[in-house]
Amino acid sequence: MTRLIAALAAMLGICFQAQAQEFPARPISMLVVFAPGGATDVLARLVADHMARTLGQRVLVENVSGAGGTIGGARGAQAAPDGHTLTVGSLGSHSAALSIYRSIQYDPRNLTPIGLIAGTPLYFVVRSGLPVERFQDFAAMVRANPGRISNGHAGVGSTNHLACELLRHVTGLQMNFVPYRGEGPAMNDVVAGQIDSACLLAPAAVPQIQAGTMRGLLVADTRRGALSPNVPSAVEAGAPDFIFQGWNAIFAPRGTPERVVQRLSAALNAALDDAALRRRIEDLGSIPATPEQRGPAALQRLVESEVARWATVIRAAGISEE
């Protein structure tokens, strides 16, 4: 009997070890916390395809939008910590939201970081039919019509919303903010002429600016973007304090085993090391994470610093979920 128990224990140990070595054992779900078409969605799909080839399993992107990305963030945080459910979040959903949403069901500082995908410049855009050519012209229009010029963003607490609030803070412009369930729907309504303006991240804004379906009035940086040389920097546009960059990163639930984390992080790094994929990210106007910015430890430091930074900004601005 003793020998039988020992043999069974050994067999169970071998089974558990085999299971541990087989990750991923099934397709991986990659939750995107915003609607299709925005920067977070576009970047997630690019890296998901490459990571699938490295991992030998499909990586299925699913959009779970709403409440500034916190609905998808909560679902990802509450998934089984086995590496088969990942979340692609943003500055808004995985840093600033902690200071905005009273009922938020996760603390981004306690999640398991996988790695940073890219940093992303932000553009201020207007519908093509709006009779303004420069940001100064737009500002004059808003001041002449306070609260009447509409501005779309991806939901309260989203990266786009924070950018809009920063713009309001540094310029005093009083616009009619219109929240959406993601950046994609806001972008679509600018193109359709349903709203006047929006704060959009580069992957959403740059292709539309290049196609002429919307007009870029500035990029929130100290210099012009390489893919949008005709769009002035914030400094050139007369808004020198409107400097802003978003980011997107991959997270796993708290308690995900270290071996799984390292496998996933290595797959993300392989994607970012691919010259063709880096070019595709850059062609969208985003900036792929550098080797120094990559890895779980670097992402953990970024999240902790961003949570602290935006807590101060949000309190000062009085931003809330209502």
C-alpha atoms as a PDB file:
ATOM      1  CA  MET A   1       0.000   0.000   0.000  1.00  0.00           C
ATOM      2  CA  THR A   2       2.841   2.372   0.861  1.00  0.00           C
ATOM      3  CA  ARG A   3       4.513   1.632  -2.478  1.00  0.00           C
ATOM      4  CA  LEU A   4       1.185   2.170  -4.292  1.00  0.00           C
ATOM      5  CA  ILE A   5       0.612   5.565  -2.615  1.00  0.00           C
ATOM      6  CA  ALA A   6       4.175   6.631  -3.449  1.00  0.00           C
ATOM      7  CA  ALA A   7       3.702   5.567  -7.060  1.00  0.00           C
ATOM      8  CA  LEU A   8       0.427   7.477  -7.340  1.00  0.00           C
ATOM      9  CA  ALA A   9       2.012  10.570  -5.799  1.00  0.00           C
ATOM     10  CA  ALA A  10       4.871  10.359  -8.278  1.00  0.00           C
ATOM     11  CA  MET A  11       2.447  10.016 -11.174  1.00  0.00           C
ATOM     12  CA  LEU A  12       0.465  13.027  -9.975  1.00  0.00           C
ATOM     13  CA  GLY A  13       3.682  15.001  -9.673  1.00  0.00           C
ATOM     14  CA  ILE A  14       4.614  14.103 -13.240  1.00  0.00           C
ATOM     15  CA  CYS A  15       1.134  15.156 -14.439  1.00  0.00           C
ATOM     16  CA  PHE A  16       1.322  18.509 -12.656  1.00  0.00           C
ATOM     17  CA  GLN A  17       4.836  19.074 -13.997  1.00  0.00           C
ATOM     18  CA  ALA A  18       3.671  18.249 -17.522  1.00  0.00           C
ATOM     19  CA  GLN A  19       0.780  20.680 -17.162  1.00  0.00           C
ATOM     20  CA  ALA A  20       3.158  23.365 -15.928  1.00  0.00           C
ATOM     21  CA  GLN A  21       5.444  22.831 -18.903  1.00  0.00           C
ATOM     22  CA  GLU A  22       2.600  22.863 -21.404  1.00  0.00           C
ATOM     23  CA  PHE A  23       1.630  26.519 -21.047  1.00  0.00           C
ATOM     24  CA  PRO A  24      -0.197  27.701 -22.987  1.00  0.00           C
ATOM     25  CA  ALA A  25      -2.458  24.650 -22.968  1.00  0.00           C
ATOM     26  CA  ARG A  26      -5.266  26.358 -24.892  1.00  0.00           C
ATOM     27  CA  PRO A  27      -5.959  29.636 -26.760  1.00  0.00           C
ATOM     28  CA  ILE A  28      -5.244  32.806 -24.797  1.00  0.00           C
ATOM     29  CA  SER A  29      -7.894  35.485 -24.372  1.00  0.00           C
ATOM     30  CA  MET A  30      -6.548  39.025 -24.703  1.00  0.00           C
ATOM     31  CA  LEU A  31      -9.093  41.482 -23.325  1.00  0.00           C
ATOM     32  CA  VAL A  32      -8.972  44.993 -24.772  1.00  0.00           C
ATOM     33  CA  VAL A  33     -10.645  47.424 -22.393  1.00  0.00           C
ATOM     34  CA  PHE A  34     -11.993  49.729 -25.131  1.00  0.00           C
ATOM     35  CA  ALA A  35     -14.140  49.381 -28.243  1.00  0.00           C
ATOM     36  CA  PRO A  36     -12.615  48.341 -31.598  1.00  0.00           C
ATOM     37  CA  GLY A  37     -10.770  50.881 -33.708  1.00  0.00           C
ATOM     38  CA  GLY A  38      -8.914  52.874 -31.055  1.00  0.00           C
ATOM     39  CA  ALA A  39      -5.211  52.907 -30.223  1.00  0.00           C
ATOM     40  CA  THR A  40      -5.443  50.220 -27.529  1.00  0.00           C
ATOM     41  CA  ASP A  41      -7.323  47.885 -29.855  1.00  0.00           C
ATOM     42  CA  VAL A  42      -5.009  48.411 -32.828  1.00  0.00           C
ATOM     43  CA  LEU A  43      -1.811  47.853 -30.843  1.00  0.00           C
ATOM     44  CA  ALA A  44      -3.253  44.808 -29.076  1.00  0.00           C
ATOM     45  CA  ARG A  45      -4.120  43.113 -32.351  1.00  0.00           C
ATOM     46  CA  LEU A  46      -0.648  43.750 -33.753  1.00  0.00           C
ATOM     47  CA  VAL A  47       1.178  42.119 -30.843  1.00  0.00           C
ATOM     48  CA  ALA A  48      -1.435  39.379 -30.357  1.00  0.00           C
ATOM     49  CA  ASP A  49      -0.816  38.012 -33.839  1.00  0.00           C
ATOM     50  CA  HIS A  50       2.950  37.858 -33.319  1.00  0.00           C
ATOM     51  CA  MET A  51       2.721  36.464 -29.775  1.00  0.00           C
ATOM     52  CA  ALA A  52       0.447  33.683 -31.038  1.00  0.00           C
ATOM     53  CA  ARG A  53       3.165  32.496 -33.406  1.00  0.00           C
ATOM     54  CA  THR A  54       5.756  32.518 -30.627  1.00  0.00           C
ATOM     55  CA  LEU A  55       3.543  30.779 -28.079  1.00  0.00           C
ATOM     56  CA  GLY A  56       2.107  28.210 -30.459  1.00  0.00           C
ATOM     57  CA  GLN A  57      -1.486  29.001 -29.492  1.00  0.00           C
ATOM     58  CA  ARG A  58      -4.068  31.416 -30.790  1.00  0.00           C
ATOM     59  CA  VAL A  59      -4.333  34.756 -28.975  1.00  0.00           C
ATOM     60  CA  LEU A  60      -7.952  35.855 -29.312  1.00  0.00           C
ATOM     61  CA  VAL A  61      -8.636  39.566 -28.898  1.00  0.00           C
ATOM     62  CA  GLU A  62     -11.920  40.450 -27.221  1.00  0.00           C
ATOM     63  CA  ASN A  63     -13.173  44.002 -26.692  1.00  0.00           C
ATOM     64  CA  VAL A  64     -14.752  44.599 -23.273  1.00  0.00           C
ATOM     65  CA  SER A  65     -15.478  48.313 -23.131  1.00  0.00           C
ATOM     66  CA  GLY A  66     -17.214  50.747 -20.812  1.00  0.00           C
ATOM     67  CA  ALA A  67     -16.585  52.940 -17.759  1.00  0.00           C
ATOM     68  CA  GLY A  68     -13.260  54.258 -19.015  1.00  0.00           C
ATOM     69  CA  GLY A  69     -11.893  50.749 -19.506  1.00  0.00           C
ATOM     70  CA  THR A  70     -12.616  49.606 -15.944  1.00  0.00           C
ATOM     71  CA  ILE A  71     -15.232  47.003 -16.933  1.00  0.00           C
ATOM     72  CA  GLY A  72     -12.693  45.124 -19.022  1.00  0.00           C
ATOM     73  CA  GLY A  73     -10.013  45.824 -16.436  1.00  0.00           C
ATOM     74  CA  ALA A  74     -12.098  44.224 -13.693  1.00  0.00           C
ATOM     75  CA  ARG A  75     -12.910  41.184 -15.796  1.00  0.00           C
ATOM     76  CA  GLY A  76      -9.247  40.653 -16.594  1.00  0.00           C
ATOM     77  CA  ALA A  77      -8.194  41.115 -12.974  1.00  0.00           C
ATOM     78  CA  GLN A  78     -10.737  38.533 -11.767  1.00  0.00           C
ATOM     79  CA  ALA A  79      -9.798  35.842 -14.303  1.00  0.00           C
ATOM     80  CA  ALA A  80      -7.993  32.658 -13.323  1.00  0.00           C
ATOM     81  CA  PRO A  81      -4.283  33.453 -12.753  1.00  0.00           C
ATOM     82  CA  ASP A  82      -3.005  30.844 -15.193  1.00  0.00           C
ATOM     83  CA  GLY A  83      -1.842  33.095 -18.043  1.00  0.00           C
ATOM     84  CA  HIS A  84      -4.709  32.226 -20.368  1.00  0.00           C
ATOM     85  CA  THR A  85      -6.459  35.577 -19.840  1.00  0.00           C
ATOM     86  CA  LEU A  86      -4.526  38.795 -20.430  1.00  0.00           C
ATOM     87  CA  THR A  87      -5.640  42.419 -20.421  1.00  0.00           C
ATOM     88  CA  VAL A  88      -4.366  45.237 -22.602  1.00  0.00           C
ATOM     89  CA  GLY A  89      -4.821  48.448 -20.647  1.00  0.00           C
ATOM     90  CA  SER A  90      -3.836  52.074 -20.871  1.00  0.00           C
ATOM     91  CA  LEU A  91      -2.695  54.988 -18.767  1.00  0.00           C
ATOM     92  CA  GLY A  92      -6.350  55.721 -18.093  1.00  0.00           C
ATOM     93  CA  SER A  93      -7.669  52.255 -17.266  1.00  0.00           C
ATOM     94  CA  HIS A  94      -4.596  51.032 -15.402  1.00  0.00           C
ATOM     95  CA  SER A  95      -3.394  54.118 -13.553  1.00  0.00           C
ATOM     96  CA  ALA A  96      -5.691  57.145 -13.471  1.00  0.00           C
ATOM     97  CA  ALA A  97      -8.938  55.178 -13.073  1.00  0.00           C
ATOM     98  CA  LEU A  98      -7.940  54.202  -9.544  1.00  0.00           C
ATOM     99  CA  SER A  99      -8.380  57.845  -8.481  1.00  0.00           C
ATOM    100  CA  ILE A 100     -11.610  58.407 -10.432  1.00  0.00           C
ATOM    101  CA  TYR A 101     -13.864  55.388  -9.942  1.00  0.00           C
ATOM    102  CA  ARG A 102     -14.983  54.811  -6.360  1.00  0.00           C
ATOM    103  CA  SER A 103     -16.285  51.336  -7.148  1.00  0.00           C
ATOM    104  CA  ILE A 104     -13.292  50.133  -9.177  1.00  0.00           C
ATOM    105  CA  GLN A 105     -12.845  46.392  -8.620  1.00  0.00           C
ATOM    106  CA  TYR A 106      -9.079  46.168  -9.100  1.00  0.00           C
ATOM    107  CA  ASP A 107      -5.903  47.975  -8.152  1.00  0.00           C
ATOM    108  CA  PRO A 108      -3.556  48.088 -11.161  1.00  0.00           C
ATOM    109  CA  ARG A 109      -0.564  48.126  -8.810  1.00  0.00           C
ATOM    110  CA  ASN A 110      -1.532  44.634  -7.603  1.00  0.00           C
ATOM    111  CA  LEU A 111      -1.903  43.017 -11.017  1.00  0.00           C
ATOM    112  CA  THR A 112       0.826  40.919 -12.601  1.00  0.00           C
ATOM    113  CA  PRO A 113       2.621  43.088 -15.183  1.00  0.00           C
ATOM    114  CA  ILE A 114       3.702  41.448 -18.429  1.00  0.00           C
ATOM    115  CA  GLY A 115       5.163  44.376 -20.352  1.00  0.00           C
ATOM    116  CA  LEU A 116       4.785  47.747 -22.044  1.00  0.00           C
ATOM    117  CA  ILE A 117       3.796  47.694 -25.709  1.00  0.00           C
ATOM    118  CA  ALA A 118       4.267  51.310 -26.758  1.00  0.00           C
ATOM    119  CA  GLY A 119       4.015  54.933 -25.845  1.00  0.00           C
ATOM    120  CA  THR A 120       1.628  56.988 -27.933  1.00  0.00           C
ATOM    121  CA  PRO A 121       1.513  60.713 -28.751  1.00  0.00           C
ATOM    122  CA  LEU A 122      -1.862  62.412 -28.630  1.00  0.00           C
ATOM    123  CA  TYR A 123      -3.470  64.586 -31.312  1.00  0.00           C
ATOM    124  CA  PHE A 124      -6.144  67.223 -31.062  1.00  0.00           C
ATOM    125  CA  VAL A 125      -8.346  66.862 -34.152  1.00  0.00           C
ATOM    126  CA  VAL A 126     -11.458  68.475 -35.593  1.00  0.00           C
ATOM    127  CA  ARG A 127     -13.994  67.364 -38.173  1.00  0.00           C
ATOM    128  CA  SER A 128     -13.013  68.242 -41.702  1.00  0.00           C
ATOM    129  CA  GLY A 129     -15.983  70.595 -42.163  1.00  0.00           C
ATOM    130  CA  LEU A 130     -15.214  72.791 -39.149  1.00  0.00           C
ATOM    131  CA  PRO A 131     -14.130  76.214 -40.503  1.00  0.00           C
ATOM    132  CA  VAL A 132     -10.811  76.426 -38.658  1.00  0.00           C
ATOM    133  CA  GLU A 133      -7.293  75.806 -39.928  1.00  0.00           C
ATOM    134  CA  ARG A 134      -5.227  76.475 -36.801  1.00  0.00           C
ATOM    135  CA  PHE A 135      -5.593  75.681 -33.116  1.00  0.00           C
ATOM    136  CA  GLN A 136      -5.690  79.412 -32.377  1.00  0.00           C
ATOM    137  CA  ASP A 137      -8.735  79.698 -34.655  1.00  0.00           C
ATOM    138  CA  PHE A 138     -10.414  76.808 -32.840  1.00  0.00           C
ATOM    139  CA  ALA A 139      -9.679  78.355 -29.446  1.00  0.00           C
ATOM    140  CA  ALA A 140     -11.239  81.640 -30.590  1.00  0.00           C
ATOM    141  CA  MET A 141     -14.344  79.742 -31.761  1.00  0.00           C
ATOM    142  CA  VAL A 142     -14.682  77.974 -28.394  1.00  0.00           C
ATOM    143  CA  ARG A 143     -14.283  81.207 -26.439  1.00  0.00           C
ATOM    144  CA  ALA A 144     -16.975  82.796 -28.572  1.00  0.00           C
ATOM    145  CA  ASN A 145     -19.261  79.783 -27.979  1.00  0.00           C
ATOM    146  CA  PRO A 146     -18.450  78.458 -24.477  1.00  0.00           C
ATOM    147  CA  GLY A 147     -19.849  74.995 -23.819  1.00  0.00           C
ATOM    148  CA  ARG A 148     -21.249  74.606 -27.329  1.00  0.00           C
ATOM    149  CA  ILE A 149     -18.329  73.100 -29.262  1.00  0.00           C
ATOM    150  CA  SER A 150     -18.308  69.330 -28.736  1.00  0.00           C
ATOM    151  CA  ASN A 151     -15.259  67.259 -27.882  1.00  0.00           C
ATOM    152  CA  GLY A 152     -15.276  63.459 -27.809  1.00  0.00           C
ATOM    153  CA  HIS A 153     -13.226  61.105 -25.659  1.00  0.00           C
ATOM    154  CA  ALA A 154     -13.104  57.403 -24.827  1.00  0.00           C
ATOM    155  CA  GLY A 155     -14.975  57.605 -21.524  1.00  0.00           C
ATOM    156  CA  VAL A 156     -14.487  59.128 -18.083  1.00  0.00           C
ATOM    157  CA  GLY A 157     -11.025  58.280 -16.813  1.00  0.00           C
ATOM    158  CA  SER A 158      -9.715  57.166 -20.202  1.00  0.00           C
ATOM    159  CA  THR A 159      -6.410  58.423 -21.542  1.00  0.00           C
ATOM    160  CA  ASN A 160      -8.281  60.648 -23.991  1.00  0.00           C
ATOM    161  CA  HIS A 161     -10.424  62.126 -21.231  1.00  0.00           C
ATOM    162  CA  LEU A 162      -7.354  62.954 -19.156  1.00  0.00           C
ATOM    163  CA  ALA A 163      -5.822  64.671 -22.167  1.00  0.00           C
ATOM    164  CA  CYS A 164      -8.996  66.682 -22.743  1.00  0.00           C
ATOM    165  CA  GLU A 165      -9.004  67.734 -19.087  1.00  0.00           C
ATOM    166  CA  LEU A 166      -5.359  68.732 -19.294  1.00  0.00           C
ATOM    167  CA  LEU A 167      -6.124  70.818 -22.376  1.00  0.00           C
ATOM    168  CA  ARG A 168      -9.008  72.508 -20.576  1.00  0.00           C
ATOM    169  CA  HIS A 169      -6.784  73.163 -17.562  1.00  0.00           C
ATOM    170  CA  VAL A 170      -3.915  74.751 -19.487  1.00  0.00           C
ATOM    171  CA  THR A 171      -6.028  76.745 -21.990  1.00  0.00           C
ATOM    172  CA  GLY A 172      -9.249  77.487 -20.105  1.00  0.00           C
ATOM    173  CA  LEU A 173     -11.313  76.315 -23.083  1.00  0.00           C
ATOM    174  CA  GLN A 174     -14.837  75.282 -22.085  1.00  0.00           C
ATOM    175  CA  MET A 175     -16.032  72.565 -24.460  1.00  0.00           C
ATOM    176  CA  ASN A 176     -18.955  70.160 -24.310  1.00  0.00           C
ATOM    177  CA  PHE A 177     -17.263  66.856 -23.483  1.00  0.00           C
ATOM    178  CA  VAL A 178     -18.968  63.795 -25.000  1.00  0.00           C
ATOM    179  CA  PRO A 179     -17.961  60.422 -23.482  1.00  0.00           C
ATOM    180  CA  TYR A 180     -17.922  57.274 -25.631  1.00  0.00           C
ATOM    181  CA  ARG A 181     -17.303  53.598 -24.887  1.00  0.00           C
ATOM    182  CA  GLY A 182     -13.931  53.808 -26.563  1.00  0.00           C
ATOM    183  CA  GLU A 183     -11.726  55.868 -28.819  1.00  0.00           C
ATOM    184  CA  GLY A 184     -12.933  54.167 -32.003  1.00  0.00           C
ATOM    185  CA  PRO A 185     -16.544  55.388 -31.701  1.00  0.00           C
ATOM    186  CA  ALA A 186     -15.343  58.925 -30.915  1.00  0.00           C
ATOM    187  CA  MET A 187     -13.069  58.850 -33.956  1.00  0.00           C
ATOM    188  CA  ASN A 188     -15.908  57.613 -36.154  1.00  0.00           C
ATOM    189  CA  ASP A 189     -18.162  60.468 -35.064  1.00  0.00           C
ATOM    190  CA  VAL A 190     -15.486  63.057 -35.843  1.00  0.00           C
ATOM    191  CA  VAL A 191     -15.134  61.560 -39.320  1.00  0.00           C
ATOM    192  CA  ALA A 192     -18.927  61.550 -39.732  1.00  0.00           C
ATOM    193  CA  GLY A 193     -19.182  65.159 -38.558  1.00  0.00           C
ATOM    194  CA  GLN A 194     -21.329  64.243 -35.547  1.00  0.00           C
ATOM    195  CA  ILE A 195     -18.965  65.951 -33.102  1.00  0.00           C
ATOM    196  CA  ASP A 196     -16.648  68.890 -33.627  1.00  0.00           C
ATOM    197  CA  SER A 197     -13.396  67.704 -32.106  1.00  0.00           C
ATOM    198  CA  ALA A 198     -11.627  64.980 -30.152  1.00  0.00           C
ATOM    199  CA  CYS A 199      -8.447  64.096 -28.327  1.00  0.00           C
ATOM    200  CA  LEU A 200      -7.187  60.988 -30.148  1.00  0.00           C
ATOM    201  CA  LEU A 201      -4.096  58.876 -29.757  1.00  0.00           C
ATOM    202  CA  ALA A 202      -1.851  58.508 -32.781  1.00  0.00           C
ATOM    203  CA  PRO A 203      -3.012  55.083 -34.085  1.00  0.00           C
ATOM    204  CA  ALA A 204      -6.561  56.428 -34.327  1.00  0.00           C
ATOM    205  CA  ALA A 205      -5.693  59.945 -35.470  1.00  0.00           C
ATOM    206  CA  VAL A 206      -2.767  59.646 -37.885  1.00  0.00           C
ATOM    207  CA  PRO A 207      -4.399  57.447 -40.586  1.00  0.00           C
ATOM    208  CA  GLN A 208      -7.466  59.709 -40.633  1.00  0.00           C
ATOM    209  CA  ILE A 209      -5.354  62.868 -40.806  1.00  0.00           C
ATOM    210  CA  GLN A 210      -3.360  61.354 -43.673  1.00  0.00           C
ATOM    211  CA  ALA A 211      -6.590  60.400 -45.445  1.00  0.00           C
ATOM    212  CA  GLY A 212      -8.032  63.903 -45.012  1.00  0.00           C
ATOM    213  CA  THR A 213     -11.117  62.692 -43.145  1.00  0.00           C
ATOM    214  CA  MET A 214     -10.268  64.889 -40.156  1.00  0.00           C
ATOM    215  CA  ARG A 215      -7.904  67.785 -39.500  1.00  0.00           C
ATOM    216  CA  GLY A 216      -5.087  67.655 -36.959  1.00  0.00           C
ATOM    217  CA  LEU A 217      -4.642  70.989 -35.210  1.00  0.00           C
ATOM    218  CA  LEU A 218      -1.772  69.927 -32.974  1.00  0.00           C
ATOM    219  CA  VAL A 219       0.184  67.008 -31.565  1.00  0.00           C
ATOM    220  CA  ALA A 220       0.636  67.238 -27.794  1.00  0.00           C
ATOM    221  CA  ASP A 221       4.399  67.184 -27.942  1.00  0.00           C
ATOM    222  CA  THR A 222       7.322  69.605 -28.204  1.00  0.00           C
ATOM    223  CA  ARG A 223       7.945  68.590 -31.809  1.00  0.00           C
ATOM    224  CA  ARG A 224       5.959  67.468 -34.842  1.00  0.00           C
ATOM    225  CA  GLY A 225       5.268  63.808 -35.516  1.00  0.00           C
ATOM    226  CA  ALA A 226       7.279  62.147 -38.275  1.00  0.00           C
ATOM    227  CA  LEU A 227       4.092  60.822 -39.899  1.00  0.00           C
ATOM    228  CA  SER A 228       2.199  64.100 -39.632  1.00  0.00           C
ATOM    229  CA  PRO A 229       4.721  66.798 -40.603  1.00  0.00           C
ATOM    230  CA  ASN A 230       1.960  69.289 -41.391  1.00  0.00           C
ATOM    231  CA  VAL A 231       0.452  69.097 -37.893  1.00  0.00           C
ATOM    232  CA  PRO A 232       2.053  71.663 -35.553  1.00  0.00           C
ATOM    233  CA  SER A 233       3.448  70.728 -32.172  1.00  0.00           C
ATOM    234  CA  ALA A 234       1.660  72.040 -29.098  1.00  0.00           C
ATOM    235  CA  VAL A 235       4.424  74.624 -28.742  1.00  0.00           C
ATOM    236  CA  GLU A 236       3.965  75.868 -32.296  1.00  0.00           C
ATOM    237  CA  ALA A 237       0.174  75.866 -31.916  1.00  0.00           C
ATOM    238  CA  GLY A 238       0.284  78.206 -28.944  1.00  0.00           C
ATOM    239  CA  ALA A 239      -0.434  75.580 -26.243  1.00  0.00           C
ATOM    240  CA  PRO A 240       3.078  74.903 -24.896  1.00  0.00           C
ATOM    241  CA  ASP A 241       1.815  73.346 -21.656  1.00  0.00           C
ATOM    242  CA  PHE A 242      -0.290  70.752 -23.469  1.00  0.00           C
ATOM    243  CA  ILE A 243       2.329  67.982 -23.508  1.00  0.00           C
ATOM    244  CA  PHE A 244       0.870  64.499 -23.176  1.00  0.00           C
ATOM    245  CA  GLN A 245       1.708  60.909 -24.080  1.00  0.00           C
ATOM    246  CA  GLY A 246      -0.375  57.804 -23.509  1.00  0.00           C
ATOM    247  CA  TRP A 247       0.783  54.195 -23.229  1.00  0.00           C
ATOM    248  CA  ASN A 248      -0.535  50.668 -23.579  1.00  0.00           C
ATOM    249  CA  ALA A 249       0.616  47.558 -21.768  1.00  0.00           C
ATOM    250  CA  ILE A 250      -0.285  43.937 -21.060  1.00  0.00           C
ATOM    251  CA  PHE A 251      -1.330  42.659 -17.630  1.00  0.00           C
ATOM    252  CA  ALA A 252      -2.238  39.279 -16.135  1.00  0.00           C
ATOM    253  CA  PRO A 253      -4.261  38.549 -12.977  1.00  0.00           C
ATOM    254  CA  ARG A 254      -2.541  38.723  -9.618  1.00  0.00           C
ATOM    255  CA  GLY A 255      -0.901  35.425  -8.682  1.00  0.00           C
ATOM    256  CA  THR A 256       0.059  34.339 -12.197  1.00  0.00           C
ATOM    257  CA  PRO A 257       3.049  31.959 -11.881  1.00  0.00           C
ATOM    258  CA  GLU A 258       6.454  33.462 -12.572  1.00  0.00           C
ATOM    259  CA  ARG A 259       7.291  30.899 -15.263  1.00  0.00           C
ATOM    260  CA  VAL A 260       4.128  31.869 -17.135  1.00  0.00           C
ATOM    261  CA  VAL A 261       4.897  35.564 -16.742  1.00  0.00           C
ATOM    262  CA  GLN A 262       8.365  35.083 -18.169  1.00  0.00           C
ATOM    263  CA  ARG A 263       7.013  33.076 -21.122  1.00  0.00           C
ATOM    264  CA  LEU A 264       4.466  35.777 -21.937  1.00  0.00           C
ATOM    265  CA  SER A 265       6.957  38.600 -21.462  1.00  0.00           C
ATOM    266  CA  ALA A 266       9.442  36.848 -23.742  1.00  0.00           C
ATOM    267  CA  ALA A 267       6.738  36.479 -26.408  1.00  0.00           C
ATOM    268  CA  LEU A 268       5.939  40.195 -26.188  1.00  0.00           C
ATOM    269  CA  ASN A 269       9.636  41.054 -26.404  1.00  0.00           C
ATOM    270  CA  ALA A 270       9.966  38.853 -29.477  1.00  0.00           C
ATOM    271  CA  ALA A 271       7.126  40.811 -31.078  1.00  0.00           C
ATOM    272  CA  LEU A 272       8.773  44.135 -30.259  1.00  0.00           C
ATOM    273  CA  ASP A 273      12.118  42.858 -31.557  1.00  0.00           C
ATOM    274  CA  ASP A 274      10.531  42.136 -34.938  1.00  0.00           C
ATOM    275  CA  ALA A 275      11.610  44.972 -37.238  1.00  0.00           C
ATOM    276  CA  ALA A 276       8.521  44.662 -39.427  1.00  0.00           C
ATOM    277  CA  LEU A 277       6.152  44.841 -36.459  1.00  0.00           C
ATOM    278  CA  ARG A 278       8.045  47.813 -34.992  1.00  0.00           C
ATOM    279  CA  ARG A 279       7.639  49.605 -38.311  1.00  0.00           C
ATOM    280  CA  ARG A 280       3.897  48.916 -38.271  1.00  0.00           C
ATOM    281  CA  ILE A 281       3.662  50.403 -34.778  1.00  0.00           C
ATOM    282  CA  GLU A 282       5.727  53.404 -35.838  1.00  0.00           C
ATOM    283  CA  ASP A 283       3.625  53.820 -38.980  1.00  0.00           C
ATOM    284  CA  LEU A 284       0.670  54.367 -36.665  1.00  0.00           C
ATOM    285  CA  GLY A 285       2.540  57.154 -34.897  1.00  0.00           C
ATOM    286  CA  SER A 286       3.274  55.152 -31.733  1.00  0.00           C
ATOM    287  CA  ILE A 287       6.678  54.499 -30.179  1.00  0.00           C
ATOM    288  CA  PRO A 288       7.527  50.821 -29.484  1.00  0.00           C
ATOM    289  CA  ALA A 289       8.843  50.128 -25.989  1.00  0.00           C
ATOM    290  CA  THR A 290      12.627  50.195 -25.886  1.00  0.00           C
ATOM    291  CA  PRO A 291      14.563  47.317 -24.279  1.00  0.00           C
ATOM    292  CA  GLU A 292      15.015  49.475 -21.163  1.00  0.00           C
ATOM    293  CA  GLN A 293      11.250  50.028 -20.915  1.00  0.00           C
ATOM    294  CA  ARG A 294      10.311  46.387 -21.336  1.00  0.00           C
ATOM    295  CA  GLY A 295       9.617  43.608 -18.888  1.00  0.00           C
ATOM    296  CA  PRO A 296       7.413  43.152 -15.818  1.00  0.00           C
ATOM    297  CA  ALA A 297       9.627  45.135 -13.423  1.00  0.00           C
ATOM    298  CA  ALA A 298       9.753  48.197 -15.673  1.00  0.00           C
ATOM    299  CA  LEU A 299       5.981  48.121 -16.169  1.00  0.00           C
ATOM    300  CA  GLN A 300       5.400  47.809 -12.423  1.00  0.00           C
ATOM    301  CA  ARG A 301       7.499  50.934 -11.828  1.00  0.00           C
ATOM    302  CA  LEU A 302       5.631  52.799 -14.563  1.00  0.00           C
ATOM    303  CA  VAL A 303       2.208  51.923 -13.150  1.00  0.00           C
ATOM    304  CA  GLU A 304       3.144  52.911  -9.602  1.00  0.00           C
ATOM    305  CA  SER A 305       4.555  56.262 -10.730  1.00  0.00           C
ATOM    306  CA  GLU A 306       1.566  56.988 -12.986  1.00  0.00           C
ATOM    307  CA  VAL A 307      -0.962  56.138 -10.262  1.00  0.00           C
ATOM    308  CA  ALA A 308       0.732  58.625  -7.942  1.00  0.00           C
ATOM    309  CA  ARG A 309       1.118  61.293 -10.631  1.00  0.00           C
ATOM    310  CA  TRP A 310      -2.474  61.213 -11.827  1.00  0.00           C
ATOM    311  CA  ALA A 311      -3.928  61.027  -8.336  1.00  0.00           C
ATOM    312  CA  THR A 312      -2.519  64.508  -7.764  1.00  0.00           C
ATOM    313  CA  VAL A 313      -3.751  65.832 -11.132  1.00  0.00           C
ATOM    314  CA  ILE A 314      -7.238  64.331 -10.720  1.00  0.00           C
ATOM    315  CA  ARG A 315      -7.724  65.742  -7.235  1.00  0.00           C
ATOM    316  CA  ALA A 316      -6.638  69.186  -8.400  1.00  0.00           C
ATOM    317  CA  ALA A 317      -8.968  69.053 -11.424  1.00  0.00           C
ATOM    318  CA  GLY A 318     -11.915  67.641  -9.490  1.00  0.00           C
ATOM    319  CA  ILE A 319     -12.431  64.829 -11.990  1.00  0.00           C
ATOM    320  CA  SER A 320     -14.904  62.149 -10.941  1.00  0.00           C
ATOM    321  CA  GLU A 321     -16.924  59.365 -12.540  1.00  0.00           C
ATOM    322  CA  GLU A 322     -20.137  61.399 -12.341  1.00  0.00           C
END
